C-alpha cells in the first residue's frame, strides 16, 4: 500500500502588493523537485477578498 505525507503551504498577500507569482512558482518548483505535488489550493478570504492561499501538497514515502 502506498503511503503519503502532506504539507500545507500558506501564501499570504499584503493588501497592496498581491501574490508574487514568479516567487511562488520558483518555490513550488523547488518543492516539486523534492517530490512534492500540489493536490489542492483554497483561497482564504477576509472581508470579501482573498487574504491568502492555502496550498496542500503530498509526496509518497517509502
PDB file of N, CA and C in Angstrom:
ATOM      1  N   UNK A   1       0.828  -1.175   0.000  1.00  0.00           N
ATOM      2  CA  UNK A   1       0.000   0.000   0.000  1.00  0.00           C
ATOM      3  C   UNK A   1       0.883   1.252   0.000  1.00  0.00           C
ATOM      4  N   UNK A   2       0.534   2.198  -0.836  1.00  0.00           N
ATOM      5  CA  UNK A   2       1.289   3.453  -0.881  1.00  0.00           C
ATOM      6  C   UNK A   2       1.010   4.275   0.368  1.00  0.00           C
ATOM      7  N   UNK A   3       2.039   4.990   0.816  1.00  0.00           N
ATOM      8  CA  UNK A   3       1.906   5.894   1.956  1.00  0.00           C
ATOM      9  C   UNK A   3       2.350   7.283   1.518  1.00  0.00           C
ATOM     10  N   UNK A   4       1.689   8.290   2.067  1.00  0.00           N
ATOM     11  CA  UNK A   4       1.974   9.669   1.697  1.00  0.00           C
ATOM     12  C   UNK A   4       2.182  10.524   2.939  1.00  0.00           C
ATOM     13  N   UNK A   5       2.928  11.603   2.759  1.00  0.00           N
ATOM     14  CA  UNK A   5       2.995  12.649   3.769  1.00  0.00           C
ATOM     15  C   UNK A   5       2.457  13.914   3.130  1.00  0.00           C
ATOM     16  N   UNK A   6       1.945  14.787   3.965  1.00  0.00           N
ATOM     17  CA  UNK A   6       1.295  16.000   3.481  1.00  0.00           C
ATOM     18  C   UNK A   6       1.949  17.231   4.079  1.00  0.00           C
ATOM     19  N   UNK A   7       1.832  18.323   3.344  1.00  0.00           N
ATOM     20  CA  UNK A   7       2.410  19.591   3.778  1.00  0.00           C
ATOM     21  C   UNK A   7       1.437  20.697   3.387  1.00  0.00           C
ATOM     22  N   UNK A   8       1.236  21.644   4.285  1.00  0.00           N
ATOM     23  CA  UNK A   8       0.403  22.809   3.990  1.00  0.00           C
ATOM     24  C   UNK A   8       1.300  24.027   3.826  1.00  0.00           C
ATOM     25  N   UNK A   9       1.038  24.783   2.783  1.00  0.00           N
ATOM     26  CA  UNK A   9       1.796  25.992   2.494  1.00  0.00           C
ATOM     27  C   UNK A   9       0.802  27.139   2.417  1.00  0.00           C
ATOM     28  N   UNK A  10       0.926  28.106   3.319  1.00  0.00           N
ATOM     29  CA  UNK A  10       0.054  29.277   3.280  1.00  0.00           C
ATOM     30  C   UNK A  10       0.800  30.428   2.641  1.00  0.00           C
ATOM     31  N   UNK A  11       0.204  30.962   1.595  1.00  0.00           N
ATOM     32  CA  UNK A  11       0.807  32.068   0.853  1.00  0.00           C
ATOM     33  C   UNK A  11      -0.005  33.308   1.154  1.00  0.00           C
ATOM     34  N   UNK A  12       0.591  34.228   1.901  1.00  0.00           N
ATOM     35  CA  UNK A  12      -0.084  35.471   2.262  1.00  0.00           C
ATOM     36  C   UNK A  12       0.185  36.537   1.218  1.00  0.00           C
ATOM     37  N   UNK A  13      -0.725  37.450   1.126  1.00  0.00           N
ATOM     38  CA  UNK A  13      -0.515  38.612   0.262  1.00  0.00           C
ATOM     39  C   UNK A  13      -0.812  39.845   1.075  1.00  0.00           C
ATOM     40  N   UNK A  14      -0.045  40.853   0.843  1.00  0.00           N
ATOM     41  CA  UNK A  14      -0.343  42.106   1.545  1.00  0.00           C
ATOM     42  C   UNK A  14      -1.462  42.830   0.785  1.00  0.00           C
ATOM     43  N   UNK A  15      -2.061  43.765   1.413  1.00  0.00           N
ATOM     44  CA  UNK A  15      -3.190  44.482   0.822  1.00  0.00           C
ATOM     45  C   UNK A  15      -2.805  45.164  -0.494  1.00  0.00           C
ATOM     46  N   UNK A  16      -1.584  45.682  -0.594  1.00  0.00           N
ATOM     47  CA  UNK A  16      -1.204  46.454  -1.773  1.00  0.00           C
ATOM     48  C   UNK A  16      -0.406  45.675  -2.813  1.00  0.00           C
ATOM     49  N   UNK A  17       0.356  44.676  -2.399  1.00  0.00           N
ATOM     50  CA  UNK A  17       1.295  44.079  -3.352  1.00  0.00           C
ATOM     51  C   UNK A  17       0.794  42.837  -4.070  1.00  0.00           C
ATOM     52  N   UNK A  18      -0.199  42.132  -3.550  1.00  0.00           N
ATOM     53  CA  UNK A  18      -0.670  40.915  -4.197  1.00  0.00           C
ATOM     54  C   UNK A  18       0.311  39.769  -4.003  1.00  0.00           C
ATOM     55  N   UNK A  19       0.032  38.678  -4.655  1.00  0.00           N
ATOM     56  CA  UNK A  19       0.879  37.485  -4.551  1.00  0.00           C
ATOM     57  C   UNK A  19       1.952  37.541  -5.624  1.00  0.00           C
ATOM     58  N   UNK A  20       3.181  37.290  -5.249  1.00  0.00           N
ATOM     59  CA  UNK A  20       4.317  37.306  -6.170  1.00  0.00           C
ATOM     60  C   UNK A  20       4.353  35.979  -6.936  1.00  0.00           C
ATOM     61  N   UNK A  21       3.756  35.963  -8.124  1.00  0.00           N
ATOM     62  CA  UNK A  21       3.655  34.727  -8.912  1.00  0.00           C
ATOM     63  C   UNK A  21       5.003  34.109  -9.257  1.00  0.00           C
ATOM     64  N   UNK A  22       5.997  34.874  -9.722  1.00  0.00           N
ATOM     65  CA  UNK A  22       7.289  34.256 -10.029  1.00  0.00           C
ATOM     66  C   UNK A  22       7.939  33.616  -8.802  1.00  0.00           C
ATOM     67  N   UNK A  23       7.834  34.276  -7.646  1.00  0.00           N
ATOM     68  CA  UNK A  23       8.416  33.734  -6.422  1.00  0.00           C
ATOM     69  C   UNK A  23       7.690  32.456  -5.996  1.00  0.00           C
ATOM     70  N   UNK A  24       6.366  32.459  -6.090  1.00  0.00           N
ATOM     71  CA  UNK A  24       5.584  31.270  -5.744  1.00  0.00           C
ATOM     72  C   UNK A  24       5.904  30.124  -6.702  1.00  0.00           C
ATOM     73  N   UNK A  25       6.016  30.418  -7.979  1.00  0.00           N
ATOM     74  CA  UNK A  25       6.358  29.392  -8.973  1.00  0.00           C
ATOM     75  C   UNK A  25       7.709  28.769  -8.659  1.00  0.00           C
ATOM     76  N   UNK A  26       8.690  29.592  -8.343  1.00  0.00           N
ATOM     77  CA  UNK A  26      10.020  29.089  -8.009  1.00  0.00           C
ATOM     78  C   UNK A  26       9.966  28.198  -6.772  1.00  0.00           C
ATOM     79  N   UNK A  27       9.250  28.633  -5.758  1.00  0.00           N
ATOM     80  CA  UNK A  27       9.134  27.849  -4.519  1.00  0.00           C
ATOM     81  C   UNK A  27       8.457  26.495  -4.790  1.00  0.00           C
ATOM     82  N   UNK A  28       7.382  26.515  -5.589  1.00  0.00           N
ATOM     83  CA  UNK A  28       6.694  25.262  -5.921  1.00  0.00           C
ATOM     84  C   UNK A  28       7.573  24.356  -6.769  1.00  0.00           C
ATOM     85  N   UNK A  29       8.386  24.916  -7.653  1.00  0.00           N
ATOM     86  CA  UNK A  29       9.316  24.109  -8.447  1.00  0.00           C
ATOM     87  C   UNK A  29      10.363  23.434  -7.566  1.00  0.00           C
ATOM     88  N   UNK A  30      10.846  24.154  -6.551  1.00  0.00           N
ATOM     89  CA  UNK A  30      11.802  23.558  -5.609  1.00  0.00           C
ATOM     90  C   UNK A  30      11.138  22.395  -4.860  1.00  0.00           C
ATOM     91  N   UNK A  31       9.927  22.634  -4.373  1.00  0.00           N
ATOM     92  CA  UNK A  31       9.215  21.565  -3.673  1.00  0.00           C
ATOM     93  C   UNK A  31       8.932  20.391  -4.608  1.00  0.00           C
ATOM     94  N   UNK A  32       8.583  20.680  -5.856  1.00  0.00           N
ATOM     95  CA  UNK A  32       8.344  19.615  -6.835  1.00  0.00           C
ATOM     96  C   UNK A  32       9.579  18.769  -7.080  1.00  0.00           C
ATOM     97  N   UNK A  33      10.742  19.397  -7.087  1.00  0.00           N
ATOM     98  CA  UNK A  33      11.989  18.643  -7.287  1.00  0.00           C
ATOM     99  C   UNK A  33      12.299  17.752  -6.091  1.00  0.00           C
ATOM    100  N   UNK A  34      11.649  18.031  -4.950  1.00  0.00           N
ATOM    101  CA  UNK A  34      11.815  17.218  -3.748  1.00  0.00           C
ATOM    102  C   UNK A  34      10.720  16.150  -3.643  1.00  0.00           C
ATOM    103  N   UNK A  35       9.892  16.048  -4.681  1.00  0.00           N
ATOM    104  CA  UNK A  35       8.859  15.017  -4.719  1.00  0.00           C
ATOM    105  C   UNK A  35       7.476  15.474  -4.301  1.00  0.00           C
ATOM    106  N   UNK A  36       7.324  16.750  -3.937  1.00  0.00           N
ATOM    107  CA  UNK A  36       6.024  17.252  -3.523  1.00  0.00           C
ATOM    108  C   UNK A  36       5.153  17.547  -4.738  1.00  0.00           C
ATOM    109  N   UNK A  37       3.856  17.275  -4.613  1.00  0.00           N
ATOM    110  CA  UNK A  37       2.882  17.524  -5.671  1.00  0.00           C
ATOM    111  C   UNK A  37       1.715  18.309  -5.080  1.00  0.00           C
ATOM    112  N   UNK A  38       1.303  19.390  -5.752  1.00  0.00           N
ATOM    113  CA  UNK A  38       0.150  20.169  -5.295  1.00  0.00           C
ATOM    114  C   UNK A  38      -1.109  19.355  -5.555  1.00  0.00           C
ATOM    115  N   UNK A  39      -1.938  19.201  -4.516  1.00  0.00           N
ATOM    116  CA  UNK A  39      -3.183  18.457  -4.681  1.00  0.00           C
ATOM    117  C   UNK A  39      -4.417  19.329  -4.526  1.00  0.00           C
ATOM    118  N   UNK A  40      -4.276  20.494  -3.873  1.00  0.00           N
ATOM    119  CA  UNK A  40      -5.401  21.423  -3.811  1.00  0.00           C
ATOM    120  C   UNK A  40      -4.915  22.813  -3.429  1.00  0.00           C
ATOM    121  N   UNK A  41      -5.714  23.793  -3.815  1.00  0.00           N
ATOM    122  CA  UNK A  41      -5.460  25.186  -3.449  1.00  0.00           C
ATOM    123  C   UNK A  41      -6.790  25.797  -3.020  1.00  0.00           C
ATOM    124  N   UNK A  42      -6.794  26.448  -1.868  1.00  0.00           N
ATOM    125  CA  UNK A  42      -8.005  27.067  -1.338  1.00  0.00           C
ATOM    126  C   UNK A  42      -7.707  28.534  -1.068  1.00  0.00           C
ATOM    127  N   UNK A  43      -8.597  29.397  -1.517  1.00  0.00           N
ATOM    128  CA  UNK A  43      -8.467  30.825  -1.231  1.00  0.00           C
ATOM    129  C   UNK A  43      -9.096  31.105   0.128  1.00  0.00           C
ATOM    130  N   UNK A  44      -8.327  31.710   1.020  1.00  0.00           N
ATOM    131  CA  UNK A  44      -8.841  32.119   2.326  1.00  0.00           C
ATOM    132  C   UNK A  44      -9.218  33.593   2.233  1.00  0.00           C
ATOM    133  N   UNK A  45     -10.438  33.912   2.581  1.00  0.00           N
ATOM    134  CA  UNK A  45     -10.921  35.272   2.391  1.00  0.00           C
ATOM    135  C   UNK A  45     -11.063  36.015   3.716  1.00  0.00           C
ATOM    136  N   UNK A  46     -10.996  37.311   3.597  1.00  0.00           N
ATOM    137  CA  UNK A  46     -11.209  38.200   4.736  1.00  0.00           C
ATOM    138  C   UNK A  46     -11.886  39.451   4.207  1.00  0.00           C
ATOM    139  N   UNK A  47     -13.050  39.747   4.701  1.00  0.00           N
ATOM    140  CA  UNK A  47     -13.765  40.943   4.245  1.00  0.00           C
ATOM    141  C   UNK A  47     -14.170  40.871   2.794  1.00  0.00           C
ATOM    142  N   UNK A  48     -14.369  39.674   2.263  1.00  0.00           N
ATOM    143  CA  UNK A  48     -14.821  39.508   0.887  1.00  0.00           C
ATOM    144  C   UNK A  48     -13.724  39.440  -0.157  1.00  0.00           C
ATOM    145  N   UNK A  49     -12.463  39.586   0.243  1.00  0.00           N
ATOM    146  CA  UNK A  49     -11.375  39.473  -0.723  1.00  0.00           C
ATOM    147  C   UNK A  49     -10.387  38.396  -0.272  1.00  0.00           C
ATOM    148  N   UNK A  50      -9.616  37.901  -1.210  1.00  0.00           N
ATOM    149  CA  UNK A  50      -8.659  36.851  -0.901  1.00  0.00           C
ATOM    150  C   UNK A  50      -7.527  37.406  -0.047  1.00  0.00           C
ATOM    151  N   UNK A  51      -7.346  36.806   1.131  1.00  0.00           N
ATOM    152  CA  UNK A  51      -6.287  37.230   2.047  1.00  0.00           C
ATOM    153  C   UNK A  51      -5.046  36.370   1.878  1.00  0.00           C
ATOM    154  N   UNK A  52      -5.239  35.098   1.561  1.00  0.00           N
ATOM    155  CA  UNK A  52      -4.110  34.189   1.361  1.00  0.00           C
ATOM    156  C   UNK A  52      -4.586  32.934   0.643  1.00  0.00           C
ATOM    157  N   UNK A  53      -3.633  32.140   0.221  1.00  0.00           N
ATOM    158  CA  UNK A  53      -3.914  30.846  -0.397  1.00  0.00           C
ATOM    159  C   UNK A  53      -3.383  29.758   0.517  1.00  0.00           C
ATOM    160  N   UNK A  54      -4.133  28.681   0.662  1.00  0.00           N
ATOM    161  CA  UNK A  54      -3.684  27.521   1.408  1.00  0.00           C
ATOM    162  C   UNK A  54      -3.491  26.405   0.388  1.00  0.00           C
ATOM    163  N   UNK A  55      -2.232  26.009   0.208  1.00  0.00           N
ATOM    164  CA  UNK A  55      -1.870  25.002  -0.793  1.00  0.00           C
ATOM    165  C   UNK A  55      -1.532  23.709  -0.060  1.00  0.00           C
ATOM    166  N   UNK A  56      -2.191  22.622  -0.457  1.00  0.00           N
ATOM    167  CA  UNK A  56      -1.909  21.303   0.110  1.00  0.00           C
ATOM    168  C   UNK A  56      -1.055  20.540  -0.870  1.00  0.00           C
ATOM    169  N   UNK A  57       0.067  19.993  -0.359  1.00  0.00           N
ATOM    170  CA  UNK A  57       0.974  19.194  -1.172  1.00  0.00           C
ATOM    171  C   UNK A  57       1.101  17.803  -0.565  1.00  0.00           C
ATOM    172  N   UNK A  58       1.439  16.823  -1.396  1.00  0.00           N
ATOM    173  CA  UNK A  58       1.691  15.482  -0.878  1.00  0.00           C
ATOM    174  C   UNK A  58       2.870  14.881  -1.618  1.00  0.00           C
ATOM    175  N   UNK A  59       3.508  13.899  -0.971  1.00  0.00           N
ATOM    176  CA  UNK A  59       4.539  13.120  -1.644  1.00  0.00           C
ATOM    177  C   UNK A  59       4.536  11.721  -1.038  1.00  0.00           C
ATOM    178  N   UNK A  60       4.894  10.774  -1.879  1.00  0.00           N
ATOM    179  CA  UNK A  60       4.915   9.395  -1.452  1.00  0.00           C
ATOM    180  C   UNK A  60       6.128   9.143  -0.562  1.00  0.00           C
ATOM    181  N   UNK A  61       5.925   8.359   0.481  1.00  0.00           N
ATOM    182  CA  UNK A  61       7.039   7.963   1.357  1.00  0.00           C
ATOM    183  C   UNK A  61       7.242   6.463   1.241  1.00  0.00           C
ATOM    184  N   UNK A  62       8.463   6.036   1.522  1.00  0.00           N
ATOM    185  CA  UNK A  62       8.798   4.618   1.386  1.00  0.00           C
ATOM    186  C   UNK A  62       8.171   3.775   2.449  1.00  0.00           C
TER     187      UNK A  62
END
